[in-house]
Amino acid sequence: MSRKQKLILITGVVAIGLVALLFPKLRYYYAAFQKSTNTSSVTIFIPSKVEALNIEAIATLLKEKGVLDDVAAFELVGENKAMNPRNIAPGKYIIEPGTALRHIWNGFKMNSNHNGNAEQTVKVSFENCRSLNDLAGKLQQQLESDSAAFMAAFQDVNELNRLGFTYEQVPALFIPNTYEMYWDQKPQAFIEQMAKEFKNFWTAERLAKLKKVGLNTPSEAVTLASIVYSEQSKNAQEWPIIAGLYLNRIKQGIKLQSDPTFKFCWGDQLKGVQRLLAVHRDVDCPYNTYKIQGLPPGPIYLPPVGVVDAVLNATQHNYIFMCAKPDYSGTHNFTASGAEHIQNASAFQRWLAAELKNR
């Protein structure tokens, strides 16, 4: 073999070696700069389960959502970045049109806060909750965890005690509103966030008003607010009047005798019942204010913030009786006279009987 031939051979071998060495990197760089194929913003949710936190599963998810054409290229970039279940952050993400594949993976990567670099928060709202089961059901629709997981957290007595609540009182912790949090936030983290919101809500000013109206704890205020709202959910002008009425009863040692409290004892069994009877009212239950003295052990509803503030700013008057007006106004007659209350109740019962008869 001539010297020239040897030189050509050596050059060829070196060239092949360089190509073999550089090809993977060239292939990676080509893949890394490829862009997503979606033509509009795409929202995806990466679950927390381990089997969903691998390169292949995420590539499949993005392919199904129309974000990828070249799955192999996306997987190659993920492998090069050593993405795995330990550093992929579950949660909500928004993939914008034309996002480079390397940037997509960078967004999924877990940061020091244990969130993805590009992870998005979600808005979580809950209102009109009659019970913790209702709340758990609403949260299940907006966050990753299911209602059973939330209920288990709500029933964790040791954790509730640490926060200063009993199980009966814990509905007072959850202030109906709209909050920002991460979709994959666990139930315990949700409770911790609500505890912070609770602390922020109960300012020194509100706590001073609490003592002024004769209540001892925020839980008592929310419990009374839950009764007020259950009595009157439509006419906010009556909230401070009703609150003042029940506070008068508490101060005078008169049982609250609120119908919604014994209805609460029956759960859904009285749903659709239009006339409540003595047999309903006679139920033995710690929430039945026809049986117990003072407030029940906890809220019977998750009342809006406005009702809690109405309790703290209750109207001062001498009313201790209320009765629905004999019309469809949804408002009440208030009085301090037992005789007048009997007249109001008789008028309402006559009107209701006539209305039911005419249906």
Protein backbone atom coordinates (compact mmCIF):
# COMPACT_ATOMS: atom_id res chain seq x y z
CA MET A 1 0.00 0.00 0.00
CA SER A 2 1.42 3.30 -1.05
CA ARG A 3 1.94 6.18 1.32
CA LYS A 4 -0.88 8.08 -0.35
CA GLN A 5 -3.26 5.17 0.04
CA LYS A 6 -2.33 4.83 3.70
CA LEU A 7 -3.00 8.53 4.21
CA ILE A 8 -6.39 8.24 2.55
CA LEU A 9 -7.23 5.21 4.70
CA ILE A 10 -6.21 6.94 7.91
CA THR A 11 -8.15 10.05 6.94
CA GLY A 12 -11.19 7.91 6.20
CA VAL A 13 -10.97 6.11 9.53
CA VAL A 14 -10.61 9.41 11.39
CA ALA A 15 -13.52 10.86 9.49
CA ILE A 16 -15.71 7.86 10.29
CA GLY A 17 -14.65 8.12 13.93
CA LEU A 18 -15.51 11.80 14.04
CA VAL A 19 -18.87 11.16 12.43
CA ALA A 20 -19.57 8.35 14.91
CA LEU A 21 -18.54 10.64 17.75
CA LEU A 22 -20.42 13.70 16.61
CA PHE A 23 -23.54 12.11 15.14
CA PRO A 24 -25.39 11.61 18.46
CA LYS A 25 -24.70 15.21 19.43
CA LEU A 26 -25.71 16.49 16.02
CA ARG A 27 -28.83 14.34 16.20
CA TYR A 28 -29.60 15.72 19.68
CA TYR A 29 -29.13 19.34 18.63
CA TYR A 30 -31.34 18.81 15.62
CA ALA A 31 -34.03 17.31 17.86
CA ALA A 32 -33.64 19.89 20.63
CA PHE A 33 -34.35 22.75 18.26
CA GLN A 34 -37.40 21.13 16.74
CA LYS A 35 -40.61 22.86 17.70
CA SER A 36 -44.02 21.75 18.86
CA THR A 37 -46.62 21.30 16.14
CA ASN A 38 -49.66 22.73 17.93
CA THR A 39 -51.15 25.84 16.32
CA SER A 40 -52.80 27.12 19.51
CA SER A 41 -52.12 26.93 23.24
CA VAL A 42 -52.53 23.42 24.63
CA THR A 43 -53.12 22.72 28.32
CA ILE A 44 -51.90 19.41 29.67
CA PHE A 45 -52.02 17.80 33.10
CA ILE A 46 -49.22 15.45 34.12
CA PRO A 47 -50.47 13.12 36.88
CA SER A 48 -48.44 12.38 40.01
CA LYS A 49 -48.45 8.59 39.61
CA VAL A 50 -44.99 7.21 38.87
CA GLU A 51 -46.02 5.47 35.66
CA ALA A 52 -47.02 8.87 34.21
CA LEU A 53 -43.69 10.50 35.07
CA ASN A 54 -41.47 8.91 32.45
CA ILE A 55 -40.29 10.04 29.07
CA GLU A 56 -42.41 7.62 27.05
CA ALA A 57 -45.65 8.39 28.93
CA ILE A 58 -45.20 12.14 28.54
CA ALA A 59 -44.32 11.80 24.88
CA THR A 60 -47.50 9.79 24.36
CA LEU A 61 -49.55 12.41 26.20
CA LEU A 62 -48.16 15.24 24.08
CA LYS A 63 -48.66 13.23 20.90
CA GLU A 64 -52.33 12.70 21.84
CA LYS A 65 -52.74 16.42 22.52
CA GLY A 66 -51.36 17.35 19.09
CA VAL A 67 -48.17 18.89 20.44
CA LEU A 68 -45.73 16.45 18.80
CA ASP A 69 -45.20 14.81 15.44
CA ASP A 70 -41.72 13.45 16.04
CA VAL A 71 -42.04 11.42 19.24
CA ALA A 72 -38.57 9.91 18.83
CA ALA A 73 -36.97 13.37 18.73
CA PHE A 74 -38.84 14.43 21.89
CA GLU A 75 -37.80 11.26 23.70
CA LEU A 76 -34.19 11.77 22.60
CA VAL A 77 -34.13 15.26 24.10
CA GLY A 78 -35.65 13.94 27.32
CA GLU A 79 -33.07 11.16 27.54
CA ASN A 80 -30.23 13.61 26.92
CA LYS A 81 -31.53 15.76 29.78
CA ALA A 82 -31.76 12.68 32.02
CA MET A 83 -35.47 13.27 32.69
CA ASN A 84 -37.01 10.68 35.02
CA PRO A 85 -39.75 10.34 37.68
CA ARG A 86 -37.50 12.00 40.27
CA ASN A 87 -37.06 15.26 38.38
CA ILE A 88 -40.25 15.51 36.30
CA ALA A 89 -42.80 17.65 38.14
CA PRO A 90 -46.47 16.68 37.81
CA GLY A 91 -49.02 19.44 37.36
CA LYS A 92 -50.68 21.75 34.87
CA TYR A 93 -48.71 23.08 31.90
CA ILE A 94 -49.52 25.24 28.89
CA ILE A 95 -47.62 24.51 25.68
CA GLU A 96 -47.55 27.49 23.36
CA PRO A 97 -47.36 27.03 19.56
CA GLY A 98 -43.85 26.55 18.23
CA THR A 99 -42.19 25.80 21.57
CA ALA A 100 -38.76 24.16 21.16
CA LEU A 101 -38.68 20.59 22.44
CA ARG A 102 -35.80 21.41 24.80
CA HIS A 103 -37.86 24.21 26.34
CA ILE A 104 -40.80 21.88 26.89
CA TRP A 105 -38.58 19.52 28.88
CA ASN A 106 -37.00 22.41 30.77
CA GLY A 107 -40.49 23.49 31.78
CA PHE A 108 -41.31 20.03 33.15
CA LYS A 109 -38.14 19.90 35.23
CA MET A 110 -38.66 20.10 38.99
CA ASN A 111 -37.19 23.15 40.71
CA SER A 112 -36.11 23.71 44.32
CA ASN A 113 -39.75 24.35 45.31
CA HIS A 114 -40.70 20.91 43.96
CA ASN A 115 -42.76 22.51 41.18
CA GLY A 116 -42.10 22.43 37.46
CA ASN A 117 -40.18 25.39 36.04
CA ALA A 118 -43.17 26.20 33.81
CA GLU A 119 -45.91 24.70 35.99
CA GLN A 120 -49.10 26.76 36.09
CA THR A 121 -51.40 27.35 39.03
CA VAL A 122 -55.15 26.73 38.85
CA LYS A 123 -57.97 28.75 40.35
CA VAL A 124 -59.94 26.76 42.90
CA SER A 125 -63.36 28.00 44.00
CA PHE A 126 -65.82 26.57 46.47
CA GLU A 127 -69.17 28.00 47.49
CA ASN A 128 -72.58 26.61 48.48
CA CYS A 129 -71.10 23.68 50.40
CA ARG A 130 -73.46 22.11 52.93
CA SER A 131 -70.87 19.70 54.29
CA LEU A 132 -67.28 18.55 54.08
CA ASN A 133 -68.45 15.91 51.60
CA ASP A 134 -69.74 18.69 49.35
CA LEU A 135 -66.43 20.51 49.67
CA ALA A 136 -64.43 17.37 48.88
CA GLY A 137 -66.60 16.80 45.81
CA LYS A 138 -65.99 20.33 44.52
CA LEU A 139 -62.24 20.05 45.12
CA GLN A 140 -62.10 16.73 43.27
CA GLN A 141 -63.40 18.50 40.18
CA GLN A 142 -60.63 21.11 40.28
CA LEU A 143 -57.56 19.35 41.70
CA GLU A 144 -55.82 16.04 41.07
CA SER A 145 -56.71 14.28 44.35
CA ASP A 146 -60.10 12.59 44.63
CA SER A 147 -62.81 13.30 47.19
CA ALA A 148 -61.86 10.26 49.29
CA ALA A 149 -58.34 11.64 49.76
CA PHE A 150 -59.70 15.02 50.81
CA MET A 151 -62.17 13.44 53.25
CA ALA A 152 -59.38 11.37 54.79
CA ALA A 153 -57.39 14.56 55.38
CA PHE A 154 -60.44 16.34 56.81
CA GLN A 155 -60.84 13.47 59.27
CA ASP A 156 -57.23 13.39 60.42
CA VAL A 157 -57.97 14.22 64.06
CA ASN A 158 -54.32 14.69 65.07
CA GLU A 159 -53.74 17.21 62.29
CA LEU A 160 -56.99 19.02 63.02
CA ASN A 161 -56.09 19.26 66.70
CA ARG A 162 -52.69 20.67 65.76
CA LEU A 163 -54.50 23.43 63.89
CA GLY A 164 -56.85 23.99 66.83
CA PHE A 165 -60.00 22.36 65.44
CA THR A 166 -62.20 19.39 66.20
CA TYR A 167 -63.73 17.47 63.31
CA GLU A 168 -67.06 19.22 63.97
CA GLN A 169 -65.40 22.64 63.91
CA VAL A 170 -63.18 22.16 60.87
CA PRO A 171 -65.74 23.46 58.31
CA ALA A 172 -65.02 26.88 59.86
CA LEU A 173 -61.46 26.61 58.52
CA PHE A 174 -62.60 26.71 54.89
CA ILE A 175 -63.56 30.24 53.86
CA PRO A 176 -65.52 30.19 50.57
CA ASN A 177 -63.56 32.10 47.96
CA THR A 178 -61.37 31.62 44.89
CA TYR A 179 -57.77 30.59 45.53
CA GLU A 180 -54.68 29.92 43.43
CA MET A 181 -52.81 26.69 43.96
CA TYR A 182 -51.10 23.93 42.02
CA TRP A 183 -53.30 21.25 40.45
CA ASP A 184 -51.28 18.42 42.02
CA GLN A 185 -51.40 19.97 45.50
CA LYS A 186 -52.10 17.26 48.05
CA PRO A 187 -55.03 17.46 50.49
CA GLN A 188 -52.76 18.13 53.47
CA ALA A 189 -51.09 21.01 51.61
CA PHE A 190 -54.56 22.32 50.75
CA ILE A 191 -55.50 22.31 54.45
CA GLU A 192 -52.26 24.11 55.31
CA GLN A 193 -53.02 26.79 52.73
CA MET A 194 -56.55 27.18 54.09
CA ALA A 195 -55.12 27.52 57.61
CA LYS A 196 -53.00 30.46 56.39
CA GLU A 197 -56.02 32.02 54.68
CA PHE A 198 -58.02 31.53 57.89
CA LYS A 199 -55.33 33.30 59.92
CA ASN A 200 -55.22 36.17 57.42
CA PHE A 201 -59.01 36.51 57.50
CA TRP A 202 -59.23 36.67 61.29
CA THR A 203 -57.56 40.03 61.73
CA ALA A 204 -57.22 41.81 65.07
CA GLU A 205 -60.23 43.91 64.09
CA ARG A 206 -62.44 40.88 63.47
CA LEU A 207 -61.25 39.18 66.66
CA ALA A 208 -62.11 42.32 68.64
CA LYS A 209 -65.61 42.34 67.14
CA LEU A 210 -65.92 38.64 67.98
CA LYS A 211 -65.41 39.35 71.66
CA LYS A 212 -67.67 42.39 71.54
CA VAL A 213 -70.68 40.36 70.35
CA GLY A 214 -70.07 37.80 73.09
CA LEU A 215 -68.57 34.91 71.12
CA ASN A 216 -65.38 33.13 72.12
CA THR A 217 -63.80 31.72 68.96
CA PRO A 218 -63.87 32.18 65.19
CA SER A 219 -65.43 28.71 64.97
CA GLU A 220 -68.39 29.92 67.03
CA ALA A 221 -68.82 32.92 64.74
CA VAL A 222 -68.78 30.72 61.63
CA THR A 223 -71.17 28.27 63.29
CA LEU A 224 -73.64 31.06 64.02
CA ALA A 225 -73.12 32.44 60.49
CA SER A 226 -73.94 29.00 59.08
CA ILE A 227 -77.27 29.03 60.94
CA VAL A 228 -78.02 32.60 59.83
CA TYR A 229 -77.30 31.70 56.19
CA SER A 230 -79.37 28.51 56.41
CA GLU A 231 -82.29 30.62 57.67
CA GLN A 232 -81.82 33.34 55.08
CA SER A 233 -79.72 32.76 51.96
CA LYS A 234 -81.27 35.37 49.66
CA ASN A 235 -81.84 38.61 51.56
CA ALA A 236 -78.49 39.82 52.91
CA GLN A 237 -80.14 42.76 54.67
CA GLU A 238 -81.61 40.34 57.20
CA TRP A 239 -78.30 38.68 58.09
CA PRO A 240 -77.23 41.11 60.86
CA ILE A 241 -80.81 41.17 62.22
CA ILE A 242 -81.01 37.37 62.46
CA ALA A 243 -77.50 37.25 63.94
CA GLY A 244 -78.57 39.77 66.59
CA LEU A 245 -81.66 37.69 67.36
CA TYR A 246 -79.66 34.53 68.01
CA LEU A 247 -77.08 36.43 70.05
CA ASN A 248 -79.95 37.75 72.19
CA ARG A 249 -81.14 34.18 72.75
CA ILE A 250 -77.65 33.02 73.71
CA LYS A 251 -77.25 35.88 76.20
CA GLN A 252 -80.68 35.23 77.70
CA GLY A 253 -80.15 31.47 77.95
CA ILE A 254 -82.93 30.71 75.46
CA LYS A 255 -82.45 27.76 73.10
CA LEU A 256 -81.84 28.89 69.54
CA GLN A 257 -84.63 26.68 68.16
CA SER A 258 -83.44 27.01 64.58
CA ASP A 259 -85.16 24.69 62.10
CA PRO A 260 -82.09 24.33 59.83
CA THR A 261 -80.17 22.75 62.72
CA PHE A 262 -82.54 19.82 63.14
CA LYS A 263 -82.83 19.53 59.36
CA PHE A 264 -79.05 19.14 59.31
CA CYS A 265 -79.44 16.14 61.63
CA TRP A 266 -81.58 14.37 59.04
CA GLY A 267 -79.12 14.83 56.17
CA ASP A 268 -80.83 14.31 52.81
CA GLN A 269 -83.82 12.52 54.30
CA LEU A 270 -85.87 15.73 54.45
CA LYS A 271 -84.98 16.81 50.93
CA GLY A 272 -88.16 17.98 49.20
CA VAL A 273 -90.23 18.00 52.42
CA GLN A 274 -92.25 21.23 52.45
CA ARG A 275 -93.81 21.02 55.89
CA LEU A 276 -91.60 20.21 58.83
CA LEU A 277 -93.36 18.36 61.64
CA ALA A 278 -92.82 17.85 65.37
CA VAL A 279 -91.46 14.37 64.71
CA HIS A 280 -88.70 15.92 62.60
CA ARG A 281 -87.91 18.48 65.25
CA ASP A 282 -87.75 15.87 68.03
CA VAL A 283 -84.64 14.14 66.69
CA ASP A 284 -81.86 13.53 69.23
CA CYS A 285 -78.78 15.10 67.72
CA PRO A 286 -75.99 17.37 69.06
CA TYR A 287 -76.81 19.89 66.30
CA ASN A 288 -80.53 20.14 67.12
CA THR A 289 -80.90 23.53 68.81
CA TYR A 290 -84.40 22.59 69.96
CA LYS A 291 -82.66 20.03 72.18
CA ILE A 292 -79.31 21.62 73.07
CA GLN A 293 -78.47 24.89 74.78
CA GLY A 294 -76.42 27.41 72.83
CA LEU A 295 -74.58 26.77 69.59
CA PRO A 296 -74.11 23.34 67.99
CA PRO A 297 -70.59 21.84 67.98
CA GLY A 298 -69.76 23.20 64.54
CA PRO A 299 -71.07 24.81 61.35
CA ILE A 300 -74.01 23.28 59.48
CA TYR A 301 -72.93 25.01 56.25
CA LEU A 302 -69.88 26.78 54.84
CA PRO A 303 -71.28 30.32 54.95
CA PRO A 304 -70.13 33.16 52.68
CA VAL A 305 -67.73 35.71 54.17
CA GLY A 306 -70.45 38.35 54.16
CA VAL A 307 -72.53 36.35 56.64
CA VAL A 308 -69.59 35.95 59.02
CA ASP A 309 -69.08 39.71 58.92
CA ALA A 310 -72.82 40.18 59.51
CA VAL A 311 -72.48 38.15 62.72
CA LEU A 312 -69.54 40.30 63.80
CA ASN A 313 -71.58 43.42 63.04
CA ALA A 314 -74.90 42.10 64.33
CA THR A 315 -77.75 44.58 64.73
CA GLN A 316 -78.55 45.49 68.31
CA HIS A 317 -82.26 45.02 69.06
CA ASN A 318 -84.50 43.08 71.43
CA TYR A 319 -85.87 40.49 68.98
CA ILE A 320 -85.89 36.86 70.08
CA PHE A 321 -88.51 35.48 67.64
CA MET A 322 -88.67 35.31 63.86
CA CYS A 323 -91.15 33.81 61.43
CA ALA A 324 -91.34 33.74 57.65
CA LYS A 325 -93.76 36.27 56.23
CA PRO A 326 -96.95 34.82 54.66
CA ASP A 327 -95.85 35.62 51.12
CA TYR A 328 -93.12 34.79 48.62
CA SER A 329 -90.79 37.60 49.67
CA GLY A 330 -88.46 35.24 51.53
CA THR A 331 -88.24 37.71 54.40
CA HIS A 332 -89.26 37.46 58.05
CA ASN A 333 -91.30 39.11 60.76
CA PHE A 334 -89.25 39.79 63.88
CA THR A 335 -90.54 40.41 67.39
CA ALA A 336 -89.65 40.33 71.06
CA SER A 337 -93.20 39.28 72.00
CA GLY A 338 -94.15 35.63 72.33
CA ALA A 339 -97.83 36.43 71.72
CA GLU A 340 -97.03 38.36 68.57
CA HIS A 341 -94.79 35.54 67.38
CA ILE A 342 -97.65 33.05 67.78
CA GLN A 343 -99.85 35.31 65.65
CA ASN A 344 -97.13 35.58 62.99
CA ALA A 345 -96.61 31.80 62.97
CA SER A 346 -100.37 31.13 62.69
CA ALA A 347 -100.65 33.56 59.77
CA PHE A 348 -97.76 31.85 57.98
CA GLN A 349 -99.17 28.34 58.56
CA ARG A 350 -102.59 29.36 57.21
CA TRP A 351 -100.98 30.90 54.13
CA LEU A 352 -98.75 27.85 53.54
CA ALA A 353 -101.68 25.42 53.89
CA ALA A 354 -103.68 27.42 51.36
CA GLU A 355 -100.78 27.53 48.92
CA LEU A 356 -100.19 23.79 49.15
CA LYS A 357 -103.89 23.11 48.70
CA ASN A 358 -104.03 25.21 45.53
CA ARG A 359 -101.13 23.43 43.85
